[in-house]
């Protein structure tokens, strides 16, 4: 797939690639003793125990029509037993195709859509302003890993347990060895203004594709060009690695940032939420 250009792919192809990259990211994030990545009951899902719904996710289902409701109940029971808030994604990789309506019938409202975007790396836009004193560097030690985790936690308004959890996880602490012993196909980027952490980003990839994850900017540093600069550093590295394009699943707030860099919209990833911790 890497040899194909963005123009050779359909919008649905690109949405699926966004979903696959998201699954690859979660597989890496769970290559640790403090997280679980499971493929059971016909579902692919990740559990971290962090009490924020974005850290406990159902990513894909391969249910048949007759047993979909029973399989859904089995996956729900897993998260109920752990009293975990949950996001369940009902994208193009999910079957049956009416999975979203089945989730709504069980009390999972369709309350959000991530936007599937991609950029041709030969068409990166430049000329955006950067704040004075901004430096973007690749994270390569535990000290920067902690700064990165603290910055992301602040950006996402995450619970206090996120930083120690990340520091015990090889996906986020670059000095740790993954549980599988395999190398991590990811790079983390930290933006600093006058040596104070301001923005984060992760580039993760496989043989077929590269994508962005964990993009965040501290509230005090927003709308100053920090996010654009950190993402641009990841895009340059992706191009150097030989990729022709990069995908991302964007929040509503992030679409403007990515569009400014040259990303285009190709579709949506529906999101359903339920809070088993209440």
C-alpha atoms as a PDB file:
ATOM      1  CA  UNK A   1       0.000   0.000   0.000  1.00  0.00           C
ATOM      2  CA  UNK A   2       2.914   2.403   0.710  1.00  0.00           C
ATOM      3  CA  UNK A   3       3.682   2.815  -2.981  1.00  0.00           C
ATOM      4  CA  UNK A   4       0.167   4.183  -3.672  1.00  0.00           C
ATOM      5  CA  UNK A   5      -0.427   7.899  -3.649  1.00  0.00           C
ATOM      6  CA  UNK A   6      -3.324   9.598  -1.925  1.00  0.00           C
ATOM      7  CA  UNK A   7      -4.941  10.293  -5.308  1.00  0.00           C
ATOM      8  CA  UNK A   8      -5.087   6.551  -6.064  1.00  0.00           C
ATOM      9  CA  UNK A   9      -7.180   5.769  -2.983  1.00  0.00           C
ATOM     10  CA  UNK A  10     -10.908   6.205  -2.491  1.00  0.00           C
ATOM     11  CA  UNK A  11     -12.273   8.207   0.463  1.00  0.00           C
ATOM     12  CA  UNK A  12     -13.422   4.948   2.086  1.00  0.00           C
ATOM     13  CA  UNK A  13      -9.924   3.479   1.642  1.00  0.00           C
ATOM     14  CA  UNK A  14      -8.488   6.429   3.525  1.00  0.00           C
ATOM     15  CA  UNK A  15     -11.065   6.213   6.316  1.00  0.00           C
ATOM     16  CA  UNK A  16     -10.192   2.535   6.757  1.00  0.00           C
ATOM     17  CA  UNK A  17      -6.512   3.407   6.853  1.00  0.00           C
ATOM     18  CA  UNK A  18      -7.211   5.936   9.589  1.00  0.00           C
ATOM     19  CA  UNK A  19      -8.973   3.205  11.545  1.00  0.00           C
ATOM     20  CA  UNK A  20      -6.154   0.694  10.978  1.00  0.00           C
ATOM     21  CA  UNK A  21      -3.537   3.203  12.103  1.00  0.00           C
ATOM     22  CA  UNK A  22      -5.625   3.847  15.230  1.00  0.00           C
ATOM     23  CA  UNK A  23      -5.671   0.106  15.942  1.00  0.00           C
ATOM     24  CA  UNK A  24      -1.894  -0.077  15.390  1.00  0.00           C
ATOM     25  CA  UNK A  25      -1.429   2.768  17.863  1.00  0.00           C
ATOM     26  CA  UNK A  26      -3.523   1.036  20.508  1.00  0.00           C
ATOM     27  CA  UNK A  27      -1.676  -2.229  19.964  1.00  0.00           C
ATOM     28  CA  UNK A  28       1.561  -0.356  20.718  1.00  0.00           C
ATOM     29  CA  UNK A  29       0.030   1.460  23.703  1.00  0.00           C
ATOM     30  CA  UNK A  30      -0.966  -1.902  25.169  1.00  0.00           C
ATOM     31  CA  UNK A  31       2.426  -3.595  24.651  1.00  0.00           C
ATOM     32  CA  UNK A  32       2.883  -3.107  28.361  1.00  0.00           C
ATOM     33  CA  UNK A  33       2.021  -4.680  31.704  1.00  0.00           C
ATOM     34  CA  UNK A  34      -0.374  -1.846  32.563  1.00  0.00           C
ATOM     35  CA  UNK A  35      -2.791  -2.140  29.607  1.00  0.00           C
ATOM     36  CA  UNK A  36      -4.717  -4.808  27.722  1.00  0.00           C
ATOM     37  CA  UNK A  37      -5.250  -5.174  23.981  1.00  0.00           C
ATOM     38  CA  UNK A  38      -7.774  -7.901  23.208  1.00  0.00           C
ATOM     39  CA  UNK A  39      -9.312  -9.588  20.213  1.00  0.00           C
ATOM     40  CA  UNK A  40     -12.155 -11.678  21.541  1.00  0.00           C
ATOM     41  CA  UNK A  41     -15.918 -12.128  21.123  1.00  0.00           C
ATOM     42  CA  UNK A  42     -15.280 -10.885  17.557  1.00  0.00           C
ATOM     43  CA  UNK A  43     -14.159  -7.470  18.809  1.00  0.00           C
ATOM     44  CA  UNK A  44     -10.838  -5.625  18.998  1.00  0.00           C
ATOM     45  CA  UNK A  45     -10.588  -3.433  22.083  1.00  0.00           C
ATOM     46  CA  UNK A  46      -8.147  -1.798  24.497  1.00  0.00           C
ATOM     47  CA  UNK A  47      -8.387  -1.198  28.242  1.00  0.00           C
ATOM     48  CA  UNK A  48      -6.057   0.941  30.342  1.00  0.00           C
ATOM     49  CA  UNK A  49      -8.006   1.575  33.537  1.00  0.00           C
ATOM     50  CA  UNK A  50      -7.537   5.330  33.164  1.00  0.00           C
ATOM     51  CA  UNK A  51     -10.801   6.977  34.180  1.00  0.00           C
ATOM     52  CA  UNK A  52     -11.240   8.923  30.962  1.00  0.00           C
ATOM     53  CA  UNK A  53     -13.243   7.430  28.119  1.00  0.00           C
ATOM     54  CA  UNK A  54     -10.626   8.114  25.420  1.00  0.00           C
ATOM     55  CA  UNK A  55      -8.336   5.576  27.114  1.00  0.00           C
ATOM     56  CA  UNK A  56     -10.743   2.606  26.982  1.00  0.00           C
ATOM     57  CA  UNK A  57     -11.922   1.838  23.466  1.00  0.00           C
ATOM     58  CA  UNK A  58     -13.650  -0.689  21.225  1.00  0.00           C
ATOM     59  CA  UNK A  59     -11.965  -0.273  17.866  1.00  0.00           C
ATOM     60  CA  UNK A  60     -13.447  -2.886  15.566  1.00  0.00           C
ATOM     61  CA  UNK A  61     -16.149  -5.543  15.486  1.00  0.00           C
ATOM     62  CA  UNK A  62     -16.537  -8.573  13.248  1.00  0.00           C
ATOM     63  CA  UNK A  63     -19.922  -9.782  14.411  1.00  0.00           C
ATOM     64  CA  UNK A  64     -22.488 -11.586  12.316  1.00  0.00           C
ATOM     65  CA  UNK A  65     -26.107 -10.457  12.274  1.00  0.00           C
ATOM     66  CA  UNK A  66     -27.410 -13.317  14.382  1.00  0.00           C
ATOM     67  CA  UNK A  67     -24.931 -13.076  17.271  1.00  0.00           C
ATOM     68  CA  UNK A  68     -24.062  -9.343  17.206  1.00  0.00           C
ATOM     69  CA  UNK A  69     -26.244  -8.416  20.173  1.00  0.00           C
ATOM     70  CA  UNK A  70     -24.908 -11.265  22.325  1.00  0.00           C
ATOM     71  CA  UNK A  71     -21.316 -10.420  21.380  1.00  0.00           C
ATOM     72  CA  UNK A  72     -21.918  -6.737  22.143  1.00  0.00           C
ATOM     73  CA  UNK A  73     -23.216  -7.680  25.590  1.00  0.00           C
ATOM     74  CA  UNK A  74     -20.092  -9.769  26.227  1.00  0.00           C
ATOM     75  CA  UNK A  75     -17.783  -6.858  25.399  1.00  0.00           C
ATOM     76  CA  UNK A  76     -19.888  -4.477  27.467  1.00  0.00           C
ATOM     77  CA  UNK A  77     -19.628  -6.879  30.408  1.00  0.00           C
ATOM     78  CA  UNK A  78     -15.823  -6.706  30.227  1.00  0.00           C
ATOM     79  CA  UNK A  79     -15.864  -2.926  30.720  1.00  0.00           C
ATOM     80  CA  UNK A  80     -18.742  -2.984  33.221  1.00  0.00           C
ATOM     81  CA  UNK A  81     -16.773  -5.369  35.441  1.00  0.00           C
ATOM     82  CA  UNK A  82     -13.900  -2.881  35.456  1.00  0.00           C
ATOM     83  CA  UNK A  83     -16.152   0.167  35.942  1.00  0.00           C
ATOM     84  CA  UNK A  84     -14.459   1.856  32.999  1.00  0.00           C
ATOM     85  CA  UNK A  85     -15.738   4.732  30.855  1.00  0.00           C
ATOM     86  CA  UNK A  86     -15.752   3.616  27.243  1.00  0.00           C
ATOM     87  CA  UNK A  87     -15.729   4.838  23.646  1.00  0.00           C
ATOM     88  CA  UNK A  88     -17.011   2.392  21.036  1.00  0.00           C
ATOM     89  CA  UNK A  89     -16.136   3.229  17.429  1.00  0.00           C
ATOM     90  CA  UNK A  90     -18.519   2.070  14.700  1.00  0.00           C
ATOM     91  CA  UNK A  91     -16.441   2.678  11.596  1.00  0.00           C
ATOM     92  CA  UNK A  92     -16.087   1.069   8.187  1.00  0.00           C
ATOM     93  CA  UNK A  93     -14.129  -1.834   9.671  1.00  0.00           C
ATOM     94  CA  UNK A  94     -17.118  -2.813  11.810  1.00  0.00           C
ATOM     95  CA  UNK A  95     -19.691  -5.468  11.011  1.00  0.00           C
ATOM     96  CA  UNK A  96     -22.596  -5.663  10.960  1.00  0.00           C
ATOM     97  CA  UNK A  97     -22.895  -2.312   9.212  1.00  0.00           C
ATOM     98  CA  UNK A  98     -25.797  -1.281  11.441  1.00  0.00           C
ATOM     99  CA  UNK A  99     -23.559  -1.596  14.514  1.00  0.00           C
ATOM    100  CA  UNK A 100     -24.156   2.042  15.417  1.00  0.00           C
ATOM    101  CA  UNK A 101     -27.924   1.598  15.609  1.00  0.00           C
ATOM    102  CA  UNK A 102     -27.465  -1.552  17.699  1.00  0.00           C
ATOM    103  CA  UNK A 103     -25.276   0.377  20.133  1.00  0.00           C
ATOM    104  CA  UNK A 104     -27.838   3.172  20.392  1.00  0.00           C
ATOM    105  CA  UNK A 105     -30.518   0.597  21.200  1.00  0.00           C
ATOM    106  CA  UNK A 106     -28.351  -0.595  24.103  1.00  0.00           C
ATOM    107  CA  UNK A 107     -27.807   2.891  25.508  1.00  0.00           C
ATOM    108  CA  UNK A 108     -24.635   3.941  23.663  1.00  0.00           C
ATOM    109  CA  UNK A 109     -25.519   7.354  22.196  1.00  0.00           C
ATOM    110  CA  UNK A 110     -23.849   8.429  18.971  1.00  0.00           C
ATOM    111  CA  UNK A 111     -22.516  11.641  20.435  1.00  0.00           C
ATOM    112  CA  UNK A 112     -19.446  12.497  18.357  1.00  0.00           C
ATOM    113  CA  UNK A 113     -17.601  11.921  15.082  1.00  0.00           C
ATOM    114  CA  UNK A 114     -13.873  11.957  14.563  1.00  0.00           C
ATOM    115  CA  UNK A 115     -12.919  13.366  11.173  1.00  0.00           C
ATOM    116  CA  UNK A 116     -10.766  11.157   8.930  1.00  0.00           C
ATOM    117  CA  UNK A 117      -8.118  13.310   7.245  1.00  0.00           C
ATOM    118  CA  UNK A 118      -4.961  12.752   5.213  1.00  0.00           C
ATOM    119  CA  UNK A 119      -2.196  14.806   3.646  1.00  0.00           C
ATOM    120  CA  UNK A 120      -0.081  14.255   0.553  1.00  0.00           C
ATOM    121  CA  UNK A 121       3.434  14.771   1.918  1.00  0.00           C
ATOM    122  CA  UNK A 122       4.438  16.486  -1.298  1.00  0.00           C
ATOM    123  CA  UNK A 123       1.891  19.221  -0.588  1.00  0.00           C
ATOM    124  CA  UNK A 124       2.691  20.308   2.974  1.00  0.00           C
ATOM    125  CA  UNK A 125       1.775  23.970   3.357  1.00  0.00           C
ATOM    126  CA  UNK A 126       4.300  26.296   4.930  1.00  0.00           C
ATOM    127  CA  UNK A 127       4.296  29.876   6.047  1.00  0.00           C
ATOM    128  CA  UNK A 128       2.374  29.499   9.310  1.00  0.00           C
ATOM    129  CA  UNK A 129       3.679  31.615  12.167  1.00  0.00           C
ATOM    130  CA  UNK A 130       5.496  30.071  15.123  1.00  0.00           C
ATOM    131  CA  UNK A 131       5.757  31.609  18.580  1.00  0.00           C
ATOM    132  CA  UNK A 132       9.089  33.160  19.465  1.00  0.00           C
ATOM    133  CA  UNK A 133      11.284  30.797  21.446  1.00  0.00           C
ATOM    134  CA  UNK A 134       9.583  27.617  20.155  1.00  0.00           C
ATOM    135  CA  UNK A 135      11.727  24.498  19.801  1.00  0.00           C
ATOM    136  CA  UNK A 136      10.400  21.130  18.611  1.00  0.00           C
ATOM    137  CA  UNK A 137      12.462  18.073  19.433  1.00  0.00           C
ATOM    138  CA  UNK A 138      12.139  14.314  19.235  1.00  0.00           C
ATOM    139  CA  UNK A 139      11.674  12.633  22.615  1.00  0.00           C
ATOM    140  CA  UNK A 140      14.632  10.339  23.305  1.00  0.00           C
ATOM    141  CA  UNK A 141      14.938  10.029  27.093  1.00  0.00           C
ATOM    142  CA  UNK A 142      12.808   9.518  30.194  1.00  0.00           C
ATOM    143  CA  UNK A 143      13.013  13.166  31.220  1.00  0.00           C
ATOM    144  CA  UNK A 144      11.491  14.344  27.937  1.00  0.00           C
ATOM    145  CA  UNK A 145       9.009  11.461  28.082  1.00  0.00           C
ATOM    146  CA  UNK A 146       7.718  12.837  31.386  1.00  0.00           C
ATOM    147  CA  UNK A 147       7.518  16.381  30.026  1.00  0.00           C
ATOM    148  CA  UNK A 148       5.637  15.021  27.008  1.00  0.00           C
ATOM    149  CA  UNK A 149       3.204  13.043  29.202  1.00  0.00           C
ATOM    150  CA  UNK A 150       2.594  15.989  31.522  1.00  0.00           C
ATOM    151  CA  UNK A 151       1.959  18.270  28.557  1.00  0.00           C
ATOM    152  CA  UNK A 152      -0.484  15.839  26.950  1.00  0.00           C
ATOM    153  CA  UNK A 153      -2.317  15.239  30.246  1.00  0.00           C
ATOM    154  CA  UNK A 154      -2.721  18.984  30.691  1.00  0.00           C
ATOM    155  CA  UNK A 155      -3.854  19.439  27.081  1.00  0.00           C
ATOM    156  CA  UNK A 156      -6.474  16.691  27.326  1.00  0.00           C
ATOM    157  CA  UNK A 157      -7.527  17.587  30.894  1.00  0.00           C
ATOM    158  CA  UNK A 158      -6.795  13.999  31.895  1.00  0.00           C
ATOM    159  CA  UNK A 159      -6.922  12.555  35.428  1.00  0.00           C
ATOM    160  CA  UNK A 160      -3.774  12.724  37.540  1.00  0.00           C
ATOM    161  CA  UNK A 161      -3.079   9.009  37.167  1.00  0.00           C
ATOM    162  CA  UNK A 162      -2.334   9.388  33.454  1.00  0.00           C
ATOM    163  CA  UNK A 163       1.255  10.636  33.823  1.00  0.00           C
ATOM    164  CA  UNK A 164       2.512   7.803  36.101  1.00  0.00           C
ATOM    165  CA  UNK A 165       0.654   5.318  33.893  1.00  0.00           C
ATOM    166  CA  UNK A 166       2.400   6.661  30.799  1.00  0.00           C
ATOM    167  CA  UNK A 167       5.787   6.661  32.508  1.00  0.00           C
ATOM    168  CA  UNK A 168       5.322   2.931  33.215  1.00  0.00           C
ATOM    169  CA  UNK A 169       4.358   2.254  29.591  1.00  0.00           C
ATOM    170  CA  UNK A 170       6.982   1.730  26.829  1.00  0.00           C
ATOM    171  CA  UNK A 171       4.813   3.424  24.215  1.00  0.00           C
ATOM    172  CA  UNK A 172       5.248   6.738  26.048  1.00  0.00           C
ATOM    173  CA  UNK A 173       8.453   6.268  28.048  1.00  0.00           C
ATOM    174  CA  UNK A 174      11.117   5.734  25.409  1.00  0.00           C
ATOM    175  CA  UNK A 175      13.585   4.211  27.898  1.00  0.00           C
ATOM    176  CA  UNK A 176      11.344   1.205  28.657  1.00  0.00           C
ATOM    177  CA  UNK A 177      11.286  -2.072  26.712  1.00  0.00           C
ATOM    178  CA  UNK A 178       7.908  -3.252  25.312  1.00  0.00           C
ATOM    179  CA  UNK A 179       6.430  -6.404  26.825  1.00  0.00           C
ATOM    180  CA  UNK A 180       6.749  -8.172  23.464  1.00  0.00           C
ATOM    181  CA  UNK A 181      10.394  -7.190  23.105  1.00  0.00           C
ATOM    182  CA  UNK A 182       9.663  -5.707  19.674  1.00  0.00           C
ATOM    183  CA  UNK A 183      10.737  -2.233  18.668  1.00  0.00           C
ATOM    184  CA  UNK A 184       8.202   0.570  18.770  1.00  0.00           C
ATOM    185  CA  UNK A 185       7.309   1.993  15.351  1.00  0.00           C
ATOM    186  CA  UNK A 186       6.683   5.483  16.662  1.00  0.00           C
ATOM    187  CA  UNK A 187       8.346   8.809  17.322  1.00  0.00           C
ATOM    188  CA  UNK A 188       7.215  11.345  19.893  1.00  0.00           C
ATOM    189  CA  UNK A 189       7.591  15.088  19.444  1.00  0.00           C
ATOM    190  CA  UNK A 190       7.700  17.744  22.140  1.00  0.00           C
ATOM    191  CA  UNK A 191       7.240  21.443  21.497  1.00  0.00           C
ATOM    192  CA  UNK A 192       8.719  23.823  24.072  1.00  0.00           C
ATOM    193  CA  UNK A 193       8.464  27.599  24.423  1.00  0.00           C
ATOM    194  CA  UNK A 194      11.339  29.007  26.448  1.00  0.00           C
ATOM    195  CA  UNK A 195      11.982  25.440  27.670  1.00  0.00           C
ATOM    196  CA  UNK A 196       8.404  25.007  28.932  1.00  0.00           C
ATOM    197  CA  UNK A 197       6.440  22.077  27.380  1.00  0.00           C
ATOM    198  CA  UNK A 198       3.711  23.433  25.105  1.00  0.00           C
ATOM    199  CA  UNK A 199       2.700  20.761  22.564  1.00  0.00           C
ATOM    200  CA  UNK A 200       2.867  17.041  21.796  1.00  0.00           C
ATOM    201  CA  UNK A 201       2.482  14.679  18.865  1.00  0.00           C
ATOM    202  CA  UNK A 202       3.231  11.051  18.019  1.00  0.00           C
ATOM    203  CA  UNK A 203       3.947   9.594  14.584  1.00  0.00           C
ATOM    204  CA  UNK A 204       3.268   5.862  14.414  1.00  0.00           C
ATOM    205  CA  UNK A 205       3.582   3.668  11.370  1.00  0.00           C
ATOM    206  CA  UNK A 206       3.565   0.188   9.855  1.00  0.00           C
ATOM    207  CA  UNK A 207       4.861  -1.060   6.513  1.00  0.00           C
ATOM    208  CA  UNK A 208       1.740   0.305   4.846  1.00  0.00           C
ATOM    209  CA  UNK A 209       0.956   3.656   6.439  1.00  0.00           C
ATOM    210  CA  UNK A 210       1.876   6.407   8.855  1.00  0.00           C
ATOM    211  CA  UNK A 211      -0.462   8.363  11.095  1.00  0.00           C
ATOM    212  CA  UNK A 212      -0.611  10.989  13.808  1.00  0.00           C
ATOM    213  CA  UNK A 213      -1.753  10.294  17.366  1.00  0.00           C
ATOM    214  CA  UNK A 214      -1.778  12.066  20.749  1.00  0.00           C
ATOM    215  CA  UNK A 215      -1.676  15.598  19.364  1.00  0.00           C
ATOM    216  CA  UNK A 216      -2.168  18.154  22.109  1.00  0.00           C
ATOM    217  CA  UNK A 217      -1.403  21.765  23.004  1.00  0.00           C
ATOM    218  CA  UNK A 218      -1.489  23.264  26.476  1.00  0.00           C
ATOM    219  CA  UNK A 219      -4.356  25.708  26.880  1.00  0.00           C
ATOM    220  CA  UNK A 220      -1.981  28.614  27.541  1.00  0.00           C
ATOM    221  CA  UNK A 221      -0.119  27.938  24.259  1.00  0.00           C
ATOM    222  CA  UNK A 222      -3.075  27.476  21.903  1.00  0.00           C
ATOM    223  CA  UNK A 223      -3.678  29.496  18.721  1.00  0.00           C
ATOM    224  CA  UNK A 224      -0.015  30.487  18.504  1.00  0.00           C
ATOM    225  CA  UNK A 225       1.266  27.946  15.966  1.00  0.00           C
ATOM    226  CA  UNK A 226       2.566  25.349  18.443  1.00  0.00           C
ATOM    227  CA  UNK A 227       0.362  22.542  17.161  1.00  0.00           C
ATOM    228  CA  UNK A 228       1.222  23.278  13.535  1.00  0.00           C
ATOM    229  CA  UNK A 229       4.956  23.259  14.258  1.00  0.00           C
ATOM    230  CA  UNK A 230       4.885  19.983  16.208  1.00  0.00           C
ATOM    231  CA  UNK A 231       2.769  18.226  13.567  1.00  0.00           C
ATOM    232  CA  UNK A 232       4.959  19.615  10.761  1.00  0.00           C
ATOM    233  CA  UNK A 233       8.019  18.043  12.402  1.00  0.00           C
ATOM    234  CA  UNK A 234       6.275  14.649  12.356  1.00  0.00           C
ATOM    235  CA  UNK A 235       5.253  15.110   8.713  1.00  0.00           C
ATOM    236  CA  UNK A 236       8.817  15.857   7.672  1.00  0.00           C
ATOM    237  CA  UNK A 237      10.002  12.673   9.368  1.00  0.00           C
ATOM    238  CA  UNK A 238       7.242  10.626   7.723  1.00  0.00           C
ATOM    239  CA  UNK A 239       8.381  11.905   4.329  1.00  0.00           C
ATOM    240  CA  UNK A 240      12.005  11.008   5.185  1.00  0.00           C
ATOM    241  CA  UNK A 241      10.838   7.486   6.102  1.00  0.00           C
ATOM    242  CA  UNK A 242       9.484   7.096   2.574  1.00  0.00           C
ATOM    243  CA  UNK A 243       5.771   7.604   3.111  1.00  0.00           C
ATOM    244  CA  UNK A 244       3.754   9.504   0.522  1.00  0.00           C
ATOM    245  CA  UNK A 245       0.953  10.539   2.860  1.00  0.00           C
ATOM    246  CA  UNK A 246      -0.064  10.629   6.536  1.00  0.00           C
ATOM    247  CA  UNK A 247      -3.492  10.015   8.050  1.00  0.00           C
ATOM    248  CA  UNK A 248      -5.115  11.360  11.204  1.00  0.00           C
ATOM    249  CA  UNK A 249      -8.411  11.083  13.056  1.00  0.00           C
ATOM    250  CA  UNK A 250      -9.150  14.643  14.109  1.00  0.00           C
ATOM    251  CA  UNK A 251     -11.373  16.142  16.748  1.00  0.00           C
ATOM    252  CA  UNK A 252     -13.697  18.934  15.653  1.00  0.00           C
ATOM    253  CA  UNK A 253     -11.263  21.444  17.146  1.00  0.00           C
ATOM    254  CA  UNK A 254      -8.286  19.947  15.293  1.00  0.00           C
ATOM    255  CA  UNK A 255      -9.733  20.117  11.774  1.00  0.00           C
ATOM    256  CA  UNK A 256      -8.725  23.756  11.322  1.00  0.00           C
ATOM    257  CA  UNK A 257      -5.138  23.058  12.401  1.00  0.00           C
ATOM    258  CA  UNK A 258      -4.733  20.109  10.043  1.00  0.00           C
ATOM    259  CA  UNK A 259      -6.420  21.904   7.152  1.00  0.00           C
ATOM    260  CA  UNK A 260      -3.970  24.774   7.521  1.00  0.00           C
ATOM    261  CA  UNK A 261      -1.109  22.309   6.989  1.00  0.00           C
ATOM    262  CA  UNK A 262      -2.717  20.784   3.887  1.00  0.00           C
ATOM    263  CA  UNK A 263      -4.766  17.875   5.229  1.00  0.00           C
ATOM    264  CA  UNK A 264      -8.040  17.094   3.460  1.00  0.00           C
ATOM    265  CA  UNK A 265     -11.232  15.555   4.873  1.00  0.00           C
ATOM    266  CA  UNK A 266     -12.243  12.097   3.608  1.00  0.00           C
ATOM    267  CA  UNK A 267     -14.922  10.893   6.011  1.00  0.00           C
ATOM    268  CA  UNK A 268     -16.017  10.314   9.588  1.00  0.00           C
ATOM    269  CA  UNK A 269     -15.539   7.756  12.361  1.00  0.00           C
ATOM    270  CA  UNK A 270     -18.706   7.562  14.493  1.00  0.00           C
ATOM    271  CA  UNK A 271     -18.151   7.413  18.237  1.00  0.00           C
ATOM    272  CA  UNK A 272     -20.482   6.023  20.917  1.00  0.00           C
ATOM    273  CA  UNK A 273     -19.914   6.520  24.626  1.00  0.00           C
ATOM    274  CA  UNK A 274     -21.018   4.912  27.858  1.00  0.00           C
ATOM    275  CA  UNK A 275     -19.878   5.502  31.405  1.00  0.00           C
ATOM    276  CA  UNK A 276     -19.683   2.363  33.525  1.00  0.00           C
ATOM    277  CA  UNK A 277     -17.840   4.265  36.274  1.00  0.00           C
ATOM    278  CA  UNK A 278     -20.893   6.187  37.425  1.00  0.00           C
END
